[in-house]
Protein backbone atom coordinates (compact mmCIF):
# COMPACT_ATOMS: atom_id res chain seq x y z
CA GLY A 1 -16.30 19.08 -5.26
CA ALA A 2 -15.12 21.42 -6.80
CA PRO A 3 -17.11 24.09 -8.62
CA PRO A 4 -17.38 24.33 -12.41
CA ASP A 5 -16.09 27.20 -14.81
CA TRP A 6 -19.13 29.50 -14.55
CA ARG A 7 -17.53 31.77 -17.03
CA GLY A 8 -17.35 28.84 -19.96
CA LEU A 9 -20.97 27.60 -18.96
CA ASP A 10 -21.69 31.44 -18.79
CA GLU A 11 -20.43 31.82 -22.70
CA SER A 12 -21.91 28.97 -23.98
CA ALA A 13 -25.46 29.18 -22.65
CA GLY A 14 -25.69 32.05 -25.40
CA TRP A 15 -24.76 29.69 -28.11
CA ASN A 16 -26.14 26.63 -25.82
CA ALA A 17 -29.80 28.28 -25.83
CA ASP A 18 -32.24 25.07 -26.71
CA GLY A 19 -32.97 23.96 -22.99
CA TYR A 20 -31.07 24.18 -19.30
CA GLY A 21 -31.29 21.74 -16.69
CA VAL A 22 -29.53 20.53 -12.87
CA MET A 23 -30.55 17.40 -11.36
CA TRP A 24 -29.22 16.67 -8.10
CA HIS A 25 -29.93 13.84 -5.11
CA GLY A 26 -32.17 15.12 -1.90
CA THR A 27 -31.53 14.33 1.40
CA ASP A 28 -33.41 11.53 0.86
CA GLY A 29 -31.40 10.40 -1.71
CA LYS A 30 -34.37 10.36 -4.54
CA PRO A 31 -33.17 12.15 -7.88
CA LEU A 32 -34.68 15.77 -8.04
CA ALA A 33 -34.44 17.77 -11.23
CA HIS A 34 -35.11 21.88 -12.23
CA ARG A 35 -35.75 22.32 -15.65
CA SER A 36 -35.79 26.42 -17.71
CA MET A 37 -35.61 27.47 -20.92
CA ARG A 38 -33.46 30.27 -19.37
CA TRP A 39 -29.88 29.85 -18.57
CA ALA A 40 -30.26 31.97 -15.22
CA ASP A 41 -32.94 30.15 -13.55
CA VAL A 42 -31.10 27.12 -13.68
CA ARG A 43 -27.64 28.85 -13.32
CA LYS A 44 -29.34 30.27 -10.11
CA HIS A 45 -30.39 26.70 -8.44
CA ALA A 46 -27.14 25.08 -9.60
CA MET A 47 -25.35 27.78 -8.12
CA GLU A 48 -27.09 26.87 -4.73
CA LEU A 49 -26.53 23.83 -4.58
CA VAL A 50 -22.67 23.82 -5.71
CA ASN A 51 -22.67 26.42 -2.29
CA SER A 52 -24.57 24.05 -0.31
CA ARG A 53 -21.47 21.23 -1.31
CA THR A 54 -24.22 19.16 -3.47
CA SER A 55 -23.13 16.86 -5.59
CA CYS A 56 -25.07 18.09 -8.97
CA ALA A 57 -24.81 17.98 -13.11
CA ILE A 58 -25.72 20.76 -15.10
CA HIS A 59 -26.80 20.42 -18.72
CA GLN A 60 -27.53 22.60 -21.03
CA ARG A 61 -28.94 21.40 -24.41
CA PHE A 62 -28.00 22.13 -28.09
CA ALA A 63 -30.94 20.82 -29.98
CA THR A 64 -29.42 18.04 -32.47
CA HIS A 65 -33.07 16.01 -32.53
CA GLY A 66 -35.81 17.20 -31.34
CA GLU A 67 -37.34 20.70 -31.06
CA PRO A 68 -36.00 22.91 -29.16
CA GLY A 69 -38.51 24.11 -25.80
CA PRO A 70 -40.08 22.27 -22.76
CA ILE A 71 -40.76 19.17 -23.81
CA ASN A 72 -36.75 18.24 -24.97
CA ARG A 73 -34.90 19.66 -21.73
CA HIS A 74 -32.71 17.93 -19.80
CA PRO A 75 -33.08 15.95 -16.96
CA PHE A 76 -35.61 13.38 -18.95
CA ILE A 77 -37.39 10.96 -16.24
CA VAL A 78 -36.28 7.27 -16.31
CA PRO A 79 -39.19 5.07 -16.47
CA ASN A 80 -40.29 3.23 -13.63
CA HIS A 81 -37.04 3.80 -11.97
CA ASP A 82 -37.43 7.43 -10.18
CA GLY A 83 -33.89 7.60 -12.21
CA LEU A 84 -32.89 11.32 -14.21
CA LEU A 85 -31.24 10.95 -17.19
CA ILE A 86 -28.65 13.97 -19.37
CA HIS A 87 -27.40 12.89 -22.38
CA ASN A 88 -24.41 14.70 -24.60
CA GLY A 89 -23.93 13.34 -27.87
CA ILE A 90 -26.15 11.88 -30.74
CA VAL A 91 -28.15 8.77 -30.78
CA SER A 92 -27.40 6.65 -33.79
CA HIS A 93 -30.30 4.53 -33.52
CA VAL A 94 -32.94 3.74 -30.54
CA PRO A 95 -34.99 -0.12 -30.72
CA GLY A 96 -38.03 1.18 -31.96
CA GLY A 97 -36.93 4.93 -33.71
CA ILE A 98 -37.21 7.93 -32.54
CA PRO A 99 -40.44 9.25 -32.23
CA ALA A 100 -41.19 12.88 -34.33
CA GLY A 101 -40.38 16.02 -32.62
CA GLU A 102 -38.78 13.71 -29.33
CA ASN A 103 -35.30 14.11 -28.82
CA ASP A 104 -32.69 11.27 -29.18
CA SER A 105 -32.07 11.78 -24.83
CA ARG A 106 -35.83 11.46 -24.28
CA THR A 107 -35.80 8.63 -26.15
CA LEU A 108 -32.91 6.82 -24.62
CA ALA A 109 -34.64 7.60 -20.89
CA ARG A 110 -37.92 5.58 -22.22
CA TRP A 111 -35.78 2.85 -23.34
CA LEU A 112 -34.12 2.48 -20.30
CA GLY A 113 -37.18 2.33 -17.95
CA GLY A 114 -37.66 -1.41 -19.47
CA PHE A 115 -34.35 -2.37 -17.75
CA ASN A 116 -34.07 -3.30 -14.19
CA VAL A 117 -31.74 0.06 -13.91
CA ASN A 118 -32.00 0.25 -10.21
CA GLY A 119 -30.24 -2.67 -9.68
CA LYS A 120 -26.26 -2.39 -9.05
CA LYS A 121 -25.29 -5.76 -10.72
CA ALA A 122 -27.17 -4.95 -14.02
CA TRP A 123 -25.39 -1.95 -14.46
CA PRO A 124 -22.24 -3.43 -16.33
CA LYS A 125 -25.11 -5.25 -18.52
CA ILE A 126 -27.13 -1.85 -18.95
CA LYS A 127 -23.74 0.37 -20.18
CA TYR A 128 -22.65 -2.11 -22.17
CA ARG A 129 -26.25 -1.70 -24.36
CA VAL A 130 -26.56 1.88 -23.84
CA LYS A 131 -22.76 2.23 -25.64
CA GLN A 132 -23.83 -0.03 -28.53
CA ILE A 133 -26.05 3.00 -29.71
CA LEU A 134 -24.13 5.82 -27.70
CA ASN A 135 -21.08 6.19 -30.20
CA SER A 136 -19.71 8.75 -27.90
CA GLY A 137 -22.50 10.31 -26.70
CA LYS A 138 -22.13 10.42 -22.77
CA VAL A 139 -24.89 9.48 -20.55
CA LEU A 140 -25.01 10.47 -16.64
CA VAL A 141 -28.06 8.87 -14.62
CA ALA A 142 -29.27 10.10 -10.96
CA LEU A 143 -30.64 6.83 -9.30
CA PRO A 144 -32.13 6.89 -6.02
CA GLU A 145 -30.14 6.29 -2.92
CA GLY A 146 -27.71 8.94 -4.04
CA ARG A 147 -26.41 6.91 -7.09
CA TRP A 148 -24.68 8.21 -10.42
CA GLU A 149 -24.34 5.77 -12.84
CA LEU A 150 -21.95 7.43 -15.93
CA ILE A 151 -21.83 5.93 -19.35
CA ASN A 152 -18.95 6.81 -21.81
CA PRO A 153 -16.84 9.03 -19.32
CA GLU A 154 -14.19 8.83 -21.48
CA TYR A 155 -15.19 10.98 -23.88
CA GLY A 156 -15.57 14.05 -21.82
CA VAL A 157 -12.79 16.27 -19.84
CA THR A 158 -12.16 16.84 -16.22
CA LYS A 159 -10.74 20.30 -15.57
CA GLU A 160 -9.74 21.44 -11.64
CA GLY A 161 -12.02 18.15 -10.55
CA VAL A 162 -14.86 18.64 -12.64
CA TRP A 163 -15.98 16.01 -14.99
CA TYR A 164 -17.24 18.18 -18.27
CA SER A 165 -19.35 15.84 -20.97
CA SER A 166 -17.46 18.30 -23.76
CA ARG A 167 -14.29 20.67 -24.34
CA SER A 168 -16.34 23.24 -26.09
CA ILE A 169 -16.84 25.69 -23.30
CA PHE A 170 -13.10 25.43 -23.56
CA ASP A 171 -11.76 25.96 -27.41
CA ARG A 172 -15.12 28.03 -27.98
CA ARG A 173 -14.67 30.52 -24.86
CA VAL A 174 -14.40 34.29 -25.72
CA SER A 175 -11.32 36.21 -25.01
CA VAL A 176 -12.24 39.23 -22.88
């Protein structure tokens, strides 16, 4: 695929400074992640993946639920399934609620752990259930065997072959 808009990501890192992460699949097809509170760390790792033509997903967190800090950085582990999840948006309600100090995305990943997310036939039903609590939020799940599952792609934007979950890096661009 095409490289992301590094300039836009660099600029948005200044106002989305609550944690960063990147996820990809290893050569064995298992999801892997790198997380940091420093954009430069994640950017370097993501650039290496992009330059090696490895599909990856980059996340910049803007805290809406839960404190900024290492515990609430994306991607999150989907328990019981060797999967990873990133989310953009606000989860309006998760069955059981969102624990104090935890962000909605971490809670969503734990909730997904209760489903058979590895079964390809289960995904239409899972997507339906997740869409009911997401509103216009977007979720990308990296699963074993090199699989990606994207929920609500219609709320994002594609630019030059790269899908972005938000237009904000284009809309807020600073003129130079």
